[in-house]
C-alpha atoms as a PDB file:
ATOM      1  CA  MET A   1      -5.868  19.033 -31.480  1.00  0.00           C
ATOM      2  CA  LYS A   2      -8.333  16.514 -29.977  1.00  0.00           C
ATOM      3  CA  ILE A   3     -10.882  17.488 -27.724  1.00  0.00           C
ATOM      4  CA  THR A   4     -12.369  14.486 -25.443  1.00  0.00           C
ATOM      5  CA  PRO A   5     -15.844  15.314 -23.294  1.00  0.00           C
ATOM      6  CA  PHE A   6     -15.371  14.937 -20.072  1.00  0.00           C
ATOM      7  CA  SER A   7     -16.988  11.227 -18.817  1.00  0.00           C
ATOM      8  CA  LYS A   8     -18.966  10.517 -16.042  1.00  0.00           C
ATOM      9  CA  ASN A   9     -16.476   9.648 -13.861  1.00  0.00           C
ATOM     10  CA  ARG A  10     -14.294  12.679 -14.002  1.00  0.00           C
ATOM     11  CA  GLU A  11     -17.576  14.312 -13.246  1.00  0.00           C
ATOM     12  CA  LEU A  12     -18.265  12.401 -10.425  1.00  0.00           C
ATOM     13  CA  ILE A  13     -14.404  13.060  -8.954  1.00  0.00           C
ATOM     14  CA  GLY A  14     -14.878  17.339  -9.664  1.00  0.00           C
ATOM     15  CA  ASP A  15     -18.088  17.295  -8.305  1.00  0.00           C
ATOM     16  CA  GLN A  16     -17.034  15.453  -4.868  1.00  0.00           C
ATOM     17  CA  LEU A  17     -13.615  18.112  -4.984  1.00  0.00           C
ATOM     18  CA  THR A  18     -15.739  21.110  -5.637  1.00  0.00           C
ATOM     19  CA  ARG A  19     -18.130  20.051  -2.791  1.00  0.00           C
ATOM     20  CA  ALA A  20     -15.139  19.368  -0.425  1.00  0.00           C
ATOM     21  CA  ARG A  21     -13.537  23.069  -1.250  1.00  0.00           C
ATOM     22  CA  ASP A  22     -17.252  24.982  -0.785  1.00  0.00           C
ATOM     23  CA  HIS A  23     -18.427  23.062   1.829  1.00  0.00           C
ATOM     24  CA  HIS A  24     -15.354  22.455   4.402  1.00  0.00           C
ATOM     25  CA  LEU A  25     -12.481  23.916   5.788  1.00  0.00           C
ATOM     26  CA  VAL A  26      -9.956  21.091   5.124  1.00  0.00           C
ATOM     27  CA  VAL A  27      -6.492  21.857   6.844  1.00  0.00           C
ATOM     28  CA  SER A  28      -3.534  19.579   7.204  1.00  0.00           C
ATOM     29  CA  THR A  29      -0.822  18.031   8.857  1.00  0.00           C
ATOM     30  CA  GLU A  30       1.730  15.526   7.675  1.00  0.00           C
ATOM     31  CA  HIS A  31       3.688  13.241  10.453  1.00  0.00           C
ATOM     32  CA  GLU A  32       5.941  10.090  10.975  1.00  0.00           C
ATOM     33  CA  LEU A  33       4.899   6.866  12.140  1.00  0.00           C
ATOM     34  CA  ASP A  34       7.841   4.588  13.044  1.00  0.00           C
ATOM     35  CA  VAL A  35       6.507   1.357  12.512  1.00  0.00           C
ATOM     36  CA  THR A  36       9.832  -0.059  12.378  1.00  0.00           C
ATOM     37  CA  ASP A  37       8.560  -2.690  15.201  1.00  0.00           C
ATOM     38  CA  VAL A  38       5.236  -3.240  13.676  1.00  0.00           C
ATOM     39  CA  LEU A  39       6.512  -4.789  10.474  1.00  0.00           C
ATOM     40  CA  PRO A  40       7.996  -7.797  11.796  1.00  0.00           C
ATOM     41  CA  LEU A  41       4.882  -8.949  13.688  1.00  0.00           C
ATOM     42  CA  ILE A  42       3.007  -8.522  10.169  1.00  0.00           C
ATOM     43  CA  GLU A  43       5.688 -10.351   8.507  1.00  0.00           C
ATOM     44  CA  ALA A  44       4.994 -13.383  10.771  1.00  0.00           C
ATOM     45  CA  ALA A  45       1.304 -13.187  10.869  1.00  0.00           C
ATOM     46  CA  LYS A  46       1.204 -13.105   7.070  1.00  0.00           C
ATOM     47  CA  ARG A  47       3.466 -16.227   6.579  1.00  0.00           C
ATOM     48  CA  GLU A  48       0.408 -17.997   9.088  1.00  0.00           C
ATOM     49  CA  GLY A  49      -2.014 -17.236   6.524  1.00  0.00           C
ATOM     50  CA  PHE A  50      -3.410 -13.890   8.781  1.00  0.00           C
ATOM     51  CA  PRO A  51      -5.192 -11.417   6.307  1.00  0.00           C
ATOM     52  CA  VAL A  52      -3.445  -8.613   7.144  1.00  0.00           C
ATOM     53  CA  THR A  53      -1.563  -6.006   5.931  1.00  0.00           C
ATOM     54  CA  LEU A  54      -0.198  -2.334   6.719  1.00  0.00           C
ATOM     55  CA  ILE A  55      -3.068  -0.711   5.696  1.00  0.00           C
ATOM     56  CA  SER A  56      -5.377  -3.243   7.060  1.00  0.00           C
ATOM     57  CA  TYR A  57      -3.780  -2.730  10.340  1.00  0.00           C
ATOM     58  CA  LEU A  58      -4.077   1.454   9.985  1.00  0.00           C
ATOM     59  CA  LEU A  59      -7.769   0.631   9.260  1.00  0.00           C
ATOM     60  CA  TRP A  60      -8.287  -1.315  12.172  1.00  0.00           C
ATOM     61  CA  CYS A  61      -6.395   1.726  14.341  1.00  0.00           C
ATOM     62  CA  THR A  62      -8.157   4.433  13.375  1.00  0.00           C
ATOM     63  CA  GLY A  63     -11.507   2.599  13.824  1.00  0.00           C
ATOM     64  CA  GLN A  64      -9.888   2.234  17.824  1.00  0.00           C
ATOM     65  CA  LEU A  65      -8.621   5.965  17.867  1.00  0.00           C
ATOM     66  CA  ILE A  66     -12.196   7.296  16.492  1.00  0.00           C
ATOM     67  CA  GLY A  67     -13.945   5.230  18.907  1.00  0.00           C
ATOM     68  CA  ALA A  68     -11.954   6.489  21.814  1.00  0.00           C
ATOM     69  CA  GLN A  69     -11.760   9.864  20.815  1.00  0.00           C
ATOM     70  CA  PRO A  70     -15.505  10.439  19.289  1.00  0.00           C
ATOM     71  CA  ARG A  71     -14.663  14.338  18.860  1.00  0.00           C
ATOM     72  CA  LEU A  72     -13.284  13.250  15.669  1.00  0.00           C
ATOM     73  CA  ASN A  73     -16.435  11.679  14.622  1.00  0.00           C
ATOM     74  CA  ARG A  74     -18.062  14.563  13.496  1.00  0.00           C
ATOM     75  CA  HIS A  75     -19.069  15.804  10.496  1.00  0.00           C
ATOM     76  CA  CYS A  76     -20.588  19.397   9.031  1.00  0.00           C
ATOM     77  CA  PHE A  77     -23.603  19.327   7.001  1.00  0.00           C
ATOM     78  CA  HIS A  78     -24.976  22.618   4.660  1.00  0.00           C
ATOM     79  CA  GLY A  79     -28.808  22.309   4.153  1.00  0.00           C
ATOM     80  CA  TRP A  80     -30.574  25.105   1.971  1.00  0.00           C
ATOM     81  CA  PHE A  81     -30.414  27.577   4.504  1.00  0.00           C
ATOM     82  CA  ARG A  82     -28.700  26.910   7.344  1.00  0.00           C
ATOM     83  CA  ARG A  83     -25.043  24.826   8.469  1.00  0.00           C
ATOM     84  CA  PHE A  84     -25.530  22.102  11.401  1.00  0.00           C
ATOM     85  CA  GLU A  85     -22.894  19.451  13.202  1.00  0.00           C
ATOM     86  CA  VAL A  86     -23.403  16.234  13.622  1.00  0.00           C
ATOM     87  CA  ASP A  87     -21.960  13.134  16.111  1.00  0.00           C
ATOM     88  CA  PHE A  88     -22.249  10.521  14.569  1.00  0.00           C
ATOM     89  CA  GLU A  89     -23.419   7.239  16.901  1.00  0.00           C
ATOM     90  CA  GLU A  90     -21.240   5.038  15.179  1.00  0.00           C
ATOM     91  CA  VAL A  91     -18.100   4.608  13.783  1.00  0.00           C
ATOM     92  CA  SER A  92     -17.624   3.952  10.069  1.00  0.00           C
ATOM     93  CA  CYS A  93     -14.740   4.253   7.645  1.00  0.00           C
ATOM     94  CA  THR A  94     -14.616   4.831   3.757  1.00  0.00           C
ATOM     95  CA  THR A  95     -11.731   3.899   1.920  1.00  0.00           C
ATOM     96  CA  VAL A  96     -10.653   3.206  -1.495  1.00  0.00           C
ATOM     97  CA  VAL A  97      -9.568  -0.298  -3.119  1.00  0.00           C
ATOM     98  CA  GLY A  98      -7.699  -0.308  -6.850  1.00  0.00           C
ATOM     99  CA  ARG A  99      -8.454  -2.389  -8.968  1.00  0.00           C
ATOM    100  CA  ARG A 100      -7.756  -3.045 -13.118  1.00  0.00           C
ATOM    101  CA  GLY A 101     -10.608  -3.874 -14.915  1.00  0.00           C
ATOM    102  CA  GLU A 102     -11.193  -6.114 -17.793  1.00  0.00           C
ATOM    103  CA  ALA A 103      -9.913  -3.482 -20.365  1.00  0.00           C
ATOM    104  CA  GLY A 104      -6.805  -2.653 -18.375  1.00  0.00           C
ATOM    105  CA  GLU A 105      -8.195   0.416 -16.971  1.00  0.00           C
ATOM    106  CA  ASP A 106      -7.654   1.397 -13.309  1.00  0.00           C
ATOM    107  CA  ILE A 107     -10.739   1.328 -11.238  1.00  0.00           C
ATOM    108  CA  LEU A 108     -10.926   2.918  -7.506  1.00  0.00           C
ATOM    109  CA  LEU A 109     -13.924   0.919  -5.620  1.00  0.00           C
ATOM    110  CA  PRO A 110     -15.056   2.394  -2.536  1.00  0.00           C
ATOM    111  CA  LEU A 111     -15.159   0.345   0.541  1.00  0.00           C
ATOM    112  CA  LEU A 112     -16.993   0.802   3.694  1.00  0.00           C
ATOM    113  CA  LEU A 113     -16.941  -0.403   6.851  1.00  0.00           C
ATOM    114  CA  ARG A 114     -19.520  -0.067   8.689  1.00  0.00           C
ATOM    115  CA  HIS A 115     -19.205  -0.572  12.727  1.00  0.00           C
ATOM    116  CA  ILE A 116     -15.052  -0.683  12.456  1.00  0.00           C
ATOM    117  CA  ASP A 117     -14.485   0.495  15.742  1.00  0.00           C
ATOM    118  CA  LYS A 118     -16.125  -3.231  16.674  1.00  0.00           C
ATOM    119  CA  MET A 119     -14.222  -4.940  14.074  1.00  0.00           C
ATOM    120  CA  THR A 120     -11.194  -7.144  14.843  1.00  0.00           C
ATOM    121  CA  LEU A 121      -7.894  -6.764  12.966  1.00  0.00           C
ATOM    122  CA  ARG A 122      -9.262  -9.882  10.885  1.00  0.00           C
ATOM    123  CA  GLN A 123     -12.076  -8.878  10.017  1.00  0.00           C
ATOM    124  CA  VAL A 124     -10.795  -5.806   8.430  1.00  0.00           C
ATOM    125  CA  GLY A 125      -8.300  -7.692   6.643  1.00  0.00           C
ATOM    126  CA  GLU A 126     -10.394  -9.984   4.972  1.00  0.00           C
ATOM    127  CA  ALA A 127     -12.670  -7.080   3.688  1.00  0.00           C
ATOM    128  CA  LEU A 128      -9.765  -5.590   2.407  1.00  0.00           C
ATOM    129  CA  ARG A 129      -8.871  -8.817   1.237  1.00  0.00           C
ATOM    130  CA  GLU A 130     -12.352  -9.711  -0.261  1.00  0.00           C
ATOM    131  CA  ALA A 131     -12.290  -6.061  -2.174  1.00  0.00           C
ATOM    132  CA  LYS A 132      -9.052  -6.433  -3.181  1.00  0.00           C
ATOM    133  CA  THR A 133      -9.348 -10.340  -4.635  1.00  0.00           C
ATOM    134  CA  ALA A 134     -12.673 -11.171  -5.364  1.00  0.00           C
ATOM    135  CA  PRO A 135     -14.163 -11.133  -9.042  1.00  0.00           C
ATOM    136  CA  LEU A 136     -14.470  -7.267 -10.255  1.00  0.00           C
ATOM    137  CA  ASP A 137     -18.544  -8.624 -11.081  1.00  0.00           C
ATOM    138  CA  THR A 138     -19.765  -9.882  -8.088  1.00  0.00           C
ATOM    139  CA  LEU A 139     -18.688  -6.571  -6.119  1.00  0.00           C
ATOM    140  CA  PRO A 140     -21.586  -4.258  -5.594  1.00  0.00           C
ATOM    141  CA  GLN A 141     -19.256  -1.392  -5.964  1.00  0.00           C
ATOM    142  CA  LEU A 142     -18.668  -2.214  -9.379  1.00  0.00           C
ATOM    143  CA  ALA A 143     -22.021  -1.975 -10.358  1.00  0.00           C
ATOM    144  CA  ALA A 144     -22.597   1.207  -8.352  1.00  0.00           C
ATOM    145  CA  ILE A 145     -20.256   2.711 -10.488  1.00  0.00           C
ATOM    146  CA  GLU A 146     -22.104   1.508 -13.606  1.00  0.00           C
ATOM    147  CA  ARG A 147     -25.250   3.083 -12.377  1.00  0.00           C
ATOM    148  CA  ILE A 148     -23.375   5.931 -11.551  1.00  0.00           C
ATOM    149  CA  LYS A 149     -21.785   6.510 -15.205  1.00  0.00           C
ATOM    150  CA  LYS A 150     -25.140   6.249 -17.133  1.00  0.00           C
ATOM    151  CA  ALA A 151     -26.898   8.895 -14.623  1.00  0.00           C
ATOM    152  CA  PRO A 152     -28.002  11.919 -16.264  1.00  0.00           C
ATOM    153  CA  LEU A 153     -25.991  14.820 -14.537  1.00  0.00           C
ATOM    154  CA  LEU A 154     -28.799  16.604 -12.941  1.00  0.00           C
ATOM    155  CA  LEU A 155     -28.447  13.238 -10.766  1.00  0.00           C
ATOM    156  CA  LEU A 156     -25.113  13.580  -9.794  1.00  0.00           C
ATOM    157  CA  ARG A 157     -26.412  17.094  -8.573  1.00  0.00           C
ATOM    158  CA  TRP A 158     -29.274  15.672  -6.334  1.00  0.00           C
ATOM    159  CA  PHE A 159     -26.857  12.797  -4.941  1.00  0.00           C
ATOM    160  CA  SER A 160     -24.098  15.729  -4.187  1.00  0.00           C
ATOM    161  CA  TYR A 161     -26.831  17.940  -2.614  1.00  0.00           C
ATOM    162  CA  LYS A 162     -28.397  14.779  -0.349  1.00  0.00           C
ATOM    163  CA  ALA A 163     -24.459  14.016   0.844  1.00  0.00           C
ATOM    164  CA  ARG A 164     -24.125  17.367   1.628  1.00  0.00           C
ATOM    165  CA  SER A 165     -27.381  18.076   3.605  1.00  0.00           C
ATOM    166  CA  ASP A 166     -28.321  14.633   4.611  1.00  0.00           C
ATOM    167  CA  PRO A 167     -26.585  12.726   7.527  1.00  0.00           C
ATOM    168  CA  HIS A 168     -28.668   9.837   7.715  1.00  0.00           C
ATOM    169  CA  PHE A 169     -28.182   9.478   3.631  1.00  0.00           C
ATOM    170  CA  TYR A 170     -24.259  10.385   4.087  1.00  0.00           C
ATOM    171  CA  ILE A 171     -23.834   7.933   6.424  1.00  0.00           C
ATOM    172  CA  GLN A 172     -24.776   4.851   4.041  1.00  0.00           C
ATOM    173  CA  HIS A 173     -22.864   5.677   1.514  1.00  0.00           C
ATOM    174  CA  PHE A 174     -19.514   7.467   2.955  1.00  0.00           C
ATOM    175  CA  GLY A 175     -19.516   6.450   6.686  1.00  0.00           C
ATOM    176  CA  THR A 176     -18.146   8.784   9.064  1.00  0.00           C
ATOM    177  CA  TYR A 177     -14.615   9.149   7.890  1.00  0.00           C
ATOM    178  CA  GLY A 178     -12.189   8.320   5.116  1.00  0.00           C
ATOM    179  CA  VAL A 179      -8.901   6.426   4.808  1.00  0.00           C
ATOM    180  CA  SER A 180      -6.553   6.468   2.051  1.00  0.00           C
ATOM    181  CA  SER A 181      -5.213   3.068   0.850  1.00  0.00           C
ATOM    182  CA  ASN A 182      -2.540   4.509  -1.732  1.00  0.00           C
ATOM    183  CA  LEU A 183       0.274   3.622  -0.042  1.00  0.00           C
ATOM    184  CA  ALA A 184       4.128   3.351  -1.353  1.00  0.00           C
ATOM    185  CA  LYS A 185       7.174   1.942  -1.005  1.00  0.00           C
ATOM    186  CA  ASP A 186      10.425   3.537  -0.957  1.00  0.00           C
ATOM    187  CA  HIS A 187       9.714   6.076  -3.255  1.00  0.00           C
ATOM    188  CA  GLY A 188       6.441   8.176  -3.486  1.00  0.00           C
ATOM    189  CA  PRO A 189       4.516  11.398  -1.879  1.00  0.00           C
ATOM    190  CA  VAL A 190       5.791  12.701   1.843  1.00  0.00           C
ATOM    191  CA  GLY A 191       3.372  15.814   2.055  1.00  0.00           C
ATOM    192  CA  GLY A 192       0.684  17.599   0.046  1.00  0.00           C
ATOM    193  CA  HIS A 193      -2.365  18.852   0.365  1.00  0.00           C
ATOM    194  CA  THR A 194      -5.888  18.053  -0.631  1.00  0.00           C
ATOM    195  CA  PHE A 195      -9.702  18.569  -0.148  1.00  0.00           C
ATOM    196  CA  GLY A 196     -11.910  16.123   2.141  1.00  0.00           C
ATOM    197  CA  ASN A 197     -15.080  15.853   2.669  1.00  0.00           C
ATOM    198  CA  THR A 198     -15.034  14.273   6.027  1.00  0.00           C
ATOM    199  CA  GLY A 199     -14.518  15.791   9.403  1.00  0.00           C
ATOM    200  CA  CYS A 200     -11.216  14.160   9.257  1.00  0.00           C
ATOM    201  CA  ALA A 201      -9.498  11.449   7.240  1.00  0.00           C
ATOM    202  CA  PHE A 202      -5.792   9.562   7.218  1.00  0.00           C
ATOM    203  CA  LEU A 203      -4.133   9.830   4.045  1.00  0.00           C
ATOM    204  CA  PRO A 204      -0.620   7.563   4.304  1.00  0.00           C
ATOM    205  CA  GLY A 205       1.919   7.977   1.500  1.00  0.00           C
ATOM    206  CA  THR A 206       5.129   6.664   1.443  1.00  0.00           C
ATOM    207  CA  LEU A 207       6.644   3.976   3.629  1.00  0.00           C
ATOM    208  CA  ARG A 208      10.524   4.427   3.713  1.00  0.00           C
ATOM    209  CA  GLU A 209      13.451   3.215   5.657  1.00  0.00           C
ATOM    210  CA  LEU A 210      15.373   6.342   6.928  1.00  0.00           C
ATOM    211  CA  PRO A 211      17.911   7.477   9.533  1.00  0.00           C
ATOM    212  CA  ARG A 212      16.295   8.760  12.867  1.00  0.00           C
ATOM    213  CA  VAL A 213      17.897   9.076  16.356  1.00  0.00           C
ATOM    214  CA  VAL A 214      16.985   6.327  19.100  1.00  0.00           C
ATOM    215  CA  ASN A 215      18.561   6.569  22.070  1.00  0.00           C
ATOM    216  CA  GLY A 216      21.396   9.013  21.122  1.00  0.00           C
ATOM    217  CA  ALA A 217      22.665   6.868  17.811  1.00  0.00           C
ATOM    218  CA  VAL A 218      21.577   6.862  14.350  1.00  0.00           C
ATOM    219  CA  VAL A 219      19.744   3.915  13.459  1.00  0.00           C
ATOM    220  CA  PRO A 220      17.770   2.842  10.127  1.00  0.00           C
ATOM    221  CA  ARG A 221      13.996   2.817  11.006  1.00  0.00           C
ATOM    222  CA  TRP A 222      10.765   2.188   8.581  1.00  0.00           C
ATOM    223  CA  VAL A 223       8.930   5.540   8.341  1.00  0.00           C
ATOM    224  CA  LEU A 224       5.257   5.915   7.423  1.00  0.00           C
ATOM    225  CA  HIS A 225       4.917   9.298   6.109  1.00  0.00           C
ATOM    226  CA  LEU A 226       0.943  10.131   6.735  1.00  0.00           C
ATOM    227  CA  LEU A 227      -1.686  13.481   5.954  1.00  0.00           C
ATOM    228  CA  PHE A 228      -3.964  13.764   8.847  1.00  0.00           C
ATOM    229  CA  LEU A 229      -6.891  15.702   7.095  1.00  0.00           C
ATOM    230  CA  ALA A 230      -9.893  18.023   9.400  1.00  0.00           C
ATOM    231  CA  ASP A 231     -13.136  19.827   8.683  1.00  0.00           C
ATOM    232  CA  HIS A 232     -12.196  23.126  10.925  1.00  0.00           C
ATOM    233  CA  TYR A 233     -15.298  23.558  10.912  1.00  0.00           C
ATOM    234  CA  VAL A 234     -15.914  21.207  13.580  1.00  0.00           C
ATOM    235  CA  LEU A 235     -12.278  20.118  14.426  1.00  0.00           C
ATOM    236  CA  ASP A 236      -9.523  22.268  16.159  1.00  0.00           C
ATOM    237  CA  GLY A 237      -6.142  22.039  16.548  1.00  0.00           C
ATOM    238  CA  ALA A 238      -6.653  20.405  19.981  1.00  0.00           C
ATOM    239  CA  ASP A 239      -8.426  17.494  18.569  1.00  0.00           C
ATOM    240  CA  MET A 240      -5.915  17.262  15.836  1.00  0.00           C
ATOM    241  CA  ALA A 241      -2.799  16.597  18.190  1.00  0.00           C
ATOM    242  CA  ARG A 242      -4.677  14.395  20.447  1.00  0.00           C
ATOM    243  CA  GLY A 243      -5.714  11.903  16.931  1.00  0.00           C
ATOM    244  CA  THR A 244      -2.639  12.266  15.780  1.00  0.00           C
ATOM    245  CA  GLU A 245      -0.802  11.458  19.080  1.00  0.00           C
ATOM    246  CA  GLY A 246      -3.443   8.528  19.817  1.00  0.00           C
ATOM    247  CA  LEU A 247      -2.621   7.558  16.483  1.00  0.00           C
ATOM    248  CA  ARG A 248       0.913   7.443  16.813  1.00  0.00           C
ATOM    249  CA  VAL A 249       0.421   5.357  19.928  1.00  0.00           C
ATOM    250  CA  LEU A 250      -1.305   2.746  18.229  1.00  0.00           C
ATOM    251  CA  MET A 251       0.556   2.288  15.351  1.00  0.00           C
ATOM    252  CA  GLU A 252       3.815   2.268  16.537  1.00  0.00           C
ATOM    253  CA  ASP A 253       3.227  -0.111  19.957  1.00  0.00           C
ATOM    254  CA  PRO A 254       3.758  -3.519  19.056  1.00  0.00           C
ATOM    255  CA  SER A 255       2.003  -4.917  21.889  1.00  0.00           C
ATOM    256  CA  VAL A 256      -0.862  -3.478  21.013  1.00  0.00           C
ATOM    257  CA  MET A 257      -0.828  -4.924  17.158  1.00  0.00           C
ATOM    258  CA  ALA A 258      -0.098  -8.416  19.122  1.00  0.00           C
ATOM    259  CA  LYS A 259      -2.816  -7.672  20.919  1.00  0.00           C
ATOM    260  CA  ALA A 260      -5.268  -7.089  17.962  1.00  0.00           C
ATOM    261  CA  LEU A 261      -3.629 -10.508  16.516  1.00  0.00           C
ATOM    262  CA  ARG A 262      -4.596 -12.382  19.684  1.00  0.00           C
ATOM    263  CA  ALA A 263      -8.098 -11.170  19.723  1.00  0.00           C
ATOM    264  CA  SER A 264      -8.903 -12.298  16.070  1.00  0.00           C
END
């Protein structure tokens, strides 16, 4: 038997999930997005050197969606004696980028895209590529993680309290909503549930080629499985339905992507 104390990184993850469990009423719905018609545009843009992937396009689409549906851009905060909700005046997204450290360990780096609804598709793609390819020691996110590892547990508790009670502190560090960048192809998760500390979040799972009925015929289509999280303190079923339908239109319509490419 080997007993190992929790690392600061595991303590931080546990603290975030505990905060989500105790202070948000998270519900989730799973969706299928047919991205068959946009994938060729992505591949063609890549061949021309355009910094775009399916994830960067998803990030850009969520920014456009929340800019058009501001009810999704809300958050519930908890002080010592009261609960209140905030309608943010900016649309900013936090995603996570996976990197491999020098010692071979996996590192998850947060990437905050402020005012993502005003960014072009190229700008989103370049920011994501920079976080994935720049030398690790040049990224401020890594320096922040190292500082957190050295912080005493009491400071982590203070950070958690500020995150759940102070809107200005929260938006500076977490933005207004979240998008996962953990996408698998052909095999991987197609459902599930998790906690969340944002008013809403979008979690892509697996991209798979599946048989679907189109115009009465069974044909192969590329389907992206996506989990949508919402805090029921501030969002209702109608908000979720409008949000996921709006995202479906953006993600599945190749004319939307063509326009975004031209505008970049």
